[in-house]
Protein backbone atom coordinates (compact mmCIF):
# COMPACT_ATOMS: atom_id res chain seq x y z
CA MET A 1 -33.57 41.43 14.48
CA ASP A 2 -32.23 41.61 18.07
CA SER A 3 -28.46 41.25 17.52
CA ASN A 4 -28.72 39.33 20.84
CA SER A 5 -31.25 37.01 20.15
CA VAL A 6 -30.79 33.31 19.14
CA ALA A 7 -31.80 31.30 15.54
CA ARG A 8 -33.21 28.34 14.71
CA VAL A 9 -31.90 27.62 11.25
CA GLU A 10 -32.82 24.16 9.45
CA ILE A 11 -29.44 23.30 7.40
CA LYS A 12 -30.63 20.14 5.77
CA PRO A 13 -34.06 18.75 6.06
CA GLY A 14 -35.04 17.98 9.69
CA VAL A 15 -31.59 19.01 10.89
CA PHE A 16 -31.45 22.70 12.64
CA VAL A 17 -28.68 24.42 14.06
CA LEU A 18 -28.88 27.31 16.65
CA VAL A 19 -26.71 30.54 16.04
CA ASP A 20 -26.46 33.96 17.41
CA SER A 21 -28.92 36.56 14.85
CA ALA A 22 -25.45 38.30 14.43
CA ASP A 23 -24.00 35.10 12.62
CA LEU A 24 -27.06 34.60 10.43
CA PRO A 25 -25.21 35.60 7.00
CA ILE A 26 -22.21 33.10 8.09
CA VAL A 27 -25.18 30.47 7.71
CA ARG A 28 -26.28 31.46 4.64
CA ALA A 29 -23.58 31.75 2.79
CA GLY A 30 -22.66 28.13 3.06
CA ALA A 31 -23.94 24.70 1.74
CA TRP A 32 -23.87 22.66 4.72
CA MET A 33 -23.81 19.10 5.71
CA LEU A 34 -22.99 16.79 8.99
CA LYS A 35 -19.54 15.94 9.38
CA ASN A 36 -18.88 14.04 12.98
CA GLY A 37 -22.28 15.16 14.01
CA ARG A 38 -21.37 19.09 13.27
CA ALA A 39 -22.23 21.17 10.49
CA TYR A 40 -19.86 21.32 7.92
CA SER A 41 -19.11 23.23 4.36
CA CYS A 42 -16.37 23.61 1.80
CA ARG A 43 -15.15 26.37 3.93
CA GLY A 44 -14.88 24.48 7.35
CA PHE A 45 -17.19 23.67 10.79
CA LEU A 46 -19.45 26.06 11.44
CA HIS A 47 -18.81 26.93 14.79
CA LYS A 48 -14.86 27.16 13.97
CA LEU A 49 -16.17 29.59 11.07
CA ILE A 50 -17.82 31.61 14.31
CA LEU A 51 -15.29 32.31 15.92
CA ARG A 52 -12.60 32.39 13.27
CA ALA A 53 -10.66 29.24 14.98
CA SER A 54 -7.34 28.66 13.15
CA LYS A 55 -6.16 25.51 12.91
CA ASP A 56 -4.47 24.79 15.67
CA VAL A 57 -7.21 25.61 18.18
CA TRP A 58 -9.95 23.70 19.10
CA VAL A 59 -13.48 24.71 19.64
CA GLU A 60 -15.38 22.50 22.35
CA HIS A 61 -19.58 22.72 22.54
CA ILE A 62 -19.76 23.65 26.35
CA ASN A 63 -23.15 21.56 26.31
CA GLY A 64 -22.15 18.91 23.91
CA ASP A 65 -24.57 19.68 21.30
CA LYS A 66 -22.59 20.00 18.31
CA LEU A 67 -25.77 21.92 16.54
CA ASP A 68 -25.62 24.35 19.75
CA ASN A 69 -23.28 27.07 17.77
CA ARG A 70 -23.93 30.01 19.84
CA ARG A 71 -20.90 32.07 21.29
CA THR A 72 -21.96 31.39 24.80
CA ASN A 73 -22.07 27.65 24.12
CA LEU A 74 -18.40 27.99 22.29
CA GLN A 75 -15.31 27.73 23.83
CA LEU A 76 -11.58 27.90 22.38
CA LYS A 77 -9.06 25.29 23.40
CA ARG A 78 -5.44 25.63 22.10
CA ILE A 79 -4.33 21.99 21.50
CA ASN A 80 -0.80 20.39 21.57
CA THR A 81 -0.01 19.88 17.50
CA GLU A 82 2.52 17.15 18.81
CA VAL A 83 -0.15 15.31 20.86
CA ALA A 84 -2.52 15.71 18.24
CA GLU A 85 0.12 15.15 14.95
CA GLU A 86 0.43 11.51 17.24
CA SER A 87 -2.68 10.99 17.80
CA ARG A 88 -3.51 11.20 13.93
CA LYS A 89 -0.72 8.82 13.24
CA ALA A 90 -2.18 6.41 15.52
CA GLU A 91 -5.60 6.33 14.10
CA ARG A 92 -3.93 5.85 10.74
CA ALA A 93 -2.17 2.97 12.05
CA GLN A 94 -4.54 1.23 13.69
CA ARG A 95 -6.77 1.88 10.29
CA PHE A 96 -3.94 0.51 8.53
CA TRP A 97 -3.63 -3.01 10.19
CA GLU A 98 -7.27 -3.20 10.53
CA GLN A 99 -6.88 -4.30 6.56
CA VAL A 100 -3.83 -6.61 7.16
CA ALA A 101 -5.01 -10.44 7.44
CA GLN A 102 -2.63 -11.22 10.41
CA SER A 103 -1.90 -14.60 11.39
CA ASN A 104 1.37 -16.43 12.88
CA PRO A 105 4.03 -14.53 12.41
CA ASP A 106 6.29 -16.67 9.63
CA ALA A 107 3.22 -16.24 7.29
CA CYS A 108 2.61 -13.73 4.61
CA TRP A 109 -0.04 -11.17 6.19
CA GLU A 110 -1.97 -10.02 3.00
CA TRP A 111 -3.56 -6.50 2.33
CA GLN A 112 -7.14 -6.71 2.03
CA GLY A 113 -7.81 -2.80 0.44
CA GLY A 114 -7.13 -2.10 -3.31
CA ARG A 115 -4.28 -3.44 -4.71
CA TYR A 116 -2.48 -2.58 -7.96
CA PRO A 117 -2.51 -4.21 -11.38
CA THR A 118 1.32 -5.40 -10.14
CA GLY A 119 -0.79 -7.25 -6.53
CA TYR A 120 1.11 -4.34 -4.68
CA GLY A 121 -1.19 -2.99 -1.80
CA ARG A 122 -2.42 0.72 -2.14
CA MET A 123 -3.69 2.89 0.63
CA TYR A 124 -4.58 6.79 0.93
CA TRP A 125 -1.98 7.58 3.26
CA THR A 126 -1.05 11.11 3.32
CA ALA A 127 -1.98 14.44 1.37
CA LYS A 128 0.15 13.39 -1.64
CA GLY A 129 -2.01 9.92 -2.07
CA ASN A 130 -1.80 6.58 -2.28
CA ALA A 131 1.29 4.77 -1.01
CA TYR A 132 2.49 0.86 -1.54
CA THR A 133 0.91 -0.98 1.71
CA HIS A 134 4.36 -2.78 2.25
CA ARG A 135 6.18 0.34 2.41
CA ILE A 136 3.74 1.33 5.39
CA ALA A 137 4.24 -1.69 7.04
CA TYR A 138 8.03 -1.03 6.97
CA GLU A 139 7.97 2.70 8.09
CA LEU A 140 5.05 1.78 11.12
CA THR A 141 7.34 -1.08 12.66
CA TYR A 142 11.07 0.13 11.46
CA GLY A 143 11.04 4.06 11.05
CA ALA A 144 11.44 6.26 8.34
CA ILE A 145 12.83 4.25 4.89
CA PRO A 146 16.92 5.05 4.26
CA GLU A 147 16.98 7.54 1.27
CA GLY A 148 17.98 5.74 -2.07
CA LEU A 149 16.53 2.32 -0.64
CA PHE A 150 13.65 0.29 -1.65
CA VAL A 151 11.15 -1.79 0.65
CA CYS A 152 11.90 -5.69 -0.93
CA HIS A 153 9.91 -8.79 0.05
CA HIS A 154 11.82 -11.80 1.25
CA CYS A 155 8.88 -14.04 0.52
CA ASP A 156 8.30 -12.35 -3.40
CA ASN A 157 4.26 -12.05 -2.33
CA PRO A 158 3.61 -7.83 -3.41
CA PRO A 159 0.44 -7.82 -1.48
CA CYS A 160 2.66 -9.18 1.93
CA CYS A 161 2.34 -6.83 4.99
CA ASN A 162 4.35 -8.84 7.37
CA PRO A 163 7.43 -6.98 8.59
CA ALA A 164 9.51 -10.42 9.36
CA HIS A 165 9.44 -10.78 5.47
CA LEU A 166 10.51 -7.19 4.44
CA PHE A 167 13.72 -5.54 4.08
CA ALA A 168 15.16 -2.45 2.96
CA GLY A 169 17.59 -2.61 -0.11
CA THR A 170 19.07 -1.56 -3.65
CA ALA A 171 16.69 -2.26 -6.67
CA LYS A 172 20.41 -4.59 -7.12
CA ASP A 173 19.44 -6.25 -3.70
CA ASN A 174 16.10 -7.04 -4.69
CA SER A 175 16.74 -8.77 -8.04
CA GLN A 176 19.64 -10.61 -6.21
CA ASP A 177 17.62 -11.70 -3.80
CA ARG A 178 14.65 -12.98 -6.23
CA ASP A 179 17.28 -14.68 -8.50
CA ARG A 180 18.75 -16.54 -6.12
CA LYS A 181 15.20 -18.39 -5.63
CA GLY A 182 14.84 -18.57 -8.85
CA ARG A 183 11.40 -16.63 -8.43
CA HIS A 184 11.98 -14.28 -11.35
CA ARG A 185 8.18 -14.10 -12.14
CA ALA A 186 5.22 -12.18 -12.29
CA PRO A 187 2.25 -12.21 -9.61
CA GLU A 188 -0.38 -14.34 -11.00
CA VAL A 189 -2.58 -11.25 -11.17
CA VAL A 190 -0.19 -9.83 -13.66
CA ARG A 191 0.36 -13.17 -15.65
CA GLN A 192 -3.51 -13.75 -15.78
CA LEU A 193 -3.88 -9.93 -17.24
CA ALA A 194 -1.25 -10.74 -19.80
CA ARG A 195 -2.62 -13.92 -20.98
CA GLU A 196 -5.80 -12.06 -21.39
CA GLY A 197 -3.86 -9.04 -23.57
CA LYS A 198 -4.92 -6.49 -20.99
CA LEU A 199 -0.81 -5.38 -20.28
CA LYS A 200 1.37 -4.20 -22.56
CA GLY A 201 4.96 -2.71 -21.80
CA ARG A 202 7.14 -4.11 -18.74
CA ALA A 203 4.05 -5.74 -16.74
CA THR A 204 4.22 -8.25 -19.43
CA THR A 205 8.42 -8.55 -19.74
CA PHE A 206 8.63 -11.06 -16.14
CA LYS A 207 10.34 -14.26 -17.59
CA PRO A 208 9.73 -17.13 -15.06
CA LYS A 209 12.87 -19.04 -14.56
CA GLY A 210 13.21 -22.74 -14.80
CA GLU A 211 10.79 -25.33 -13.63
CA LEU A 212 8.28 -22.35 -13.09
CA ASN A 213 8.19 -21.62 -16.81
CA ASN A 214 5.00 -23.23 -18.10
CA ARG A 215 7.29 -23.73 -21.32
CA ALA A 216 10.15 -25.57 -19.63
CA LYS A 217 11.02 -28.98 -21.03
CA ILE A 218 13.38 -30.27 -18.67
CA THR A 219 13.52 -30.33 -14.68
CA PRO A 220 16.64 -29.79 -12.12
CA ASP A 221 17.25 -33.20 -12.09
CA ILE A 222 17.63 -33.14 -15.71
CA VAL A 223 20.02 -30.21 -15.44
CA ARG A 224 22.39 -31.65 -12.62
CA ALA A 225 22.74 -35.09 -14.89
CA ILE A 226 23.70 -32.83 -18.11
CA ARG A 227 26.15 -31.33 -15.67
CA ARG A 228 27.51 -34.96 -14.14
CA ALA A 229 27.73 -36.47 -17.72
CA ALA A 230 29.57 -33.41 -19.32
CA ALA A 231 32.12 -33.45 -15.82
CA ASN A 232 32.74 -36.95 -16.32
CA GLY A 233 33.60 -37.02 -19.89
CA GLU A 234 30.42 -38.72 -21.13
CA GLY A 235 30.29 -37.06 -24.64
CA SER A 236 29.89 -33.91 -25.92
CA ALA A 237 27.37 -31.53 -25.39
CA ARG A 238 25.50 -32.53 -28.77
CA GLU A 239 25.97 -36.34 -27.51
CA ILE A 240 24.67 -35.48 -23.88
CA GLY A 241 21.95 -33.61 -25.48
CA LEU A 242 20.63 -35.89 -27.71
CA ARG A 243 19.44 -38.22 -24.54
CA TYR A 244 17.18 -36.00 -23.52
CA GLY A 245 16.23 -34.08 -26.60
CA LEU A 246 18.11 -30.85 -26.56
CA SER A 247 20.08 -29.19 -29.24
CA ARG A 248 23.46 -28.88 -28.76
CA ASN A 249 23.37 -25.26 -27.75
CA HIS A 250 20.67 -25.69 -25.08
CA THR A 251 23.05 -28.46 -23.73
CA ALA A 252 25.92 -26.08 -23.70
CA HIS A 253 24.51 -23.25 -21.49
CA ILE A 254 23.39 -25.59 -19.55
CA ILE A 255 27.00 -27.11 -19.02
CA ASN A 256 28.21 -23.91 -18.62
CA ARG A 257 25.52 -22.05 -16.25
CA SER A 258 24.35 -19.71 -18.57
CA LYS A 259 20.96 -21.21 -18.30
CA TRP A 260 19.17 -22.70 -14.83
CA ALA A 261 22.10 -21.34 -13.50
CA HIS A 262 20.21 -21.08 -10.03
CA ILE A 263 20.14 -25.03 -9.58
CA GLU A 264 23.50 -26.57 -8.14
């Protein structure tokens, strides 16, 4: 065959590529599919393999036909890697926000894609794999997360990606923020799985506080009444507790604020 001739090769049923006959060995060495309209194999794109183009070089099809891979139709075009990287980041950010249910600025913006069992959103973000979506939202809005800090929720809603609801803090900051609001509570999805016996270990050890605990026998009003009675000298812990069907120890814990400490 004339080395200057052109070959028309079927790479999959009904799909043909044009190549110079000298490049037929490259075509025959691969199992081809279409990716973005171009011939692609596990080794890479056919047009880049033909010109042996490096990653920082773009190969353009001069006539616009992405299956015409004759060398006369291929043109090397070096790209600005910084501009290309910024473009990729913008595309990723757009894909991210398209999966967030954005509404008014004060509301929770919940992630609509995949989630971990704990309720936190997940998204394939880098070559390292999945990332937490609330962390992605923070980084897209405020920049890199300071080393050693967590991204915490003011709203305590794991799938929320509203940047206004997020803050960077230590594990202690996160726990204190949660405890101040009396929300030491697992996400509903975790509690439901725990009730069904489908989770083990730490995921089931969340302990709802106060009236959020399904087993709570008293209310914040009763707690305040007990503390007022103790402050006014209306009886011992045992005597006050009897009025509400509580043990002496339980009543003493309430009075001393070792229980129901979040209630003023």
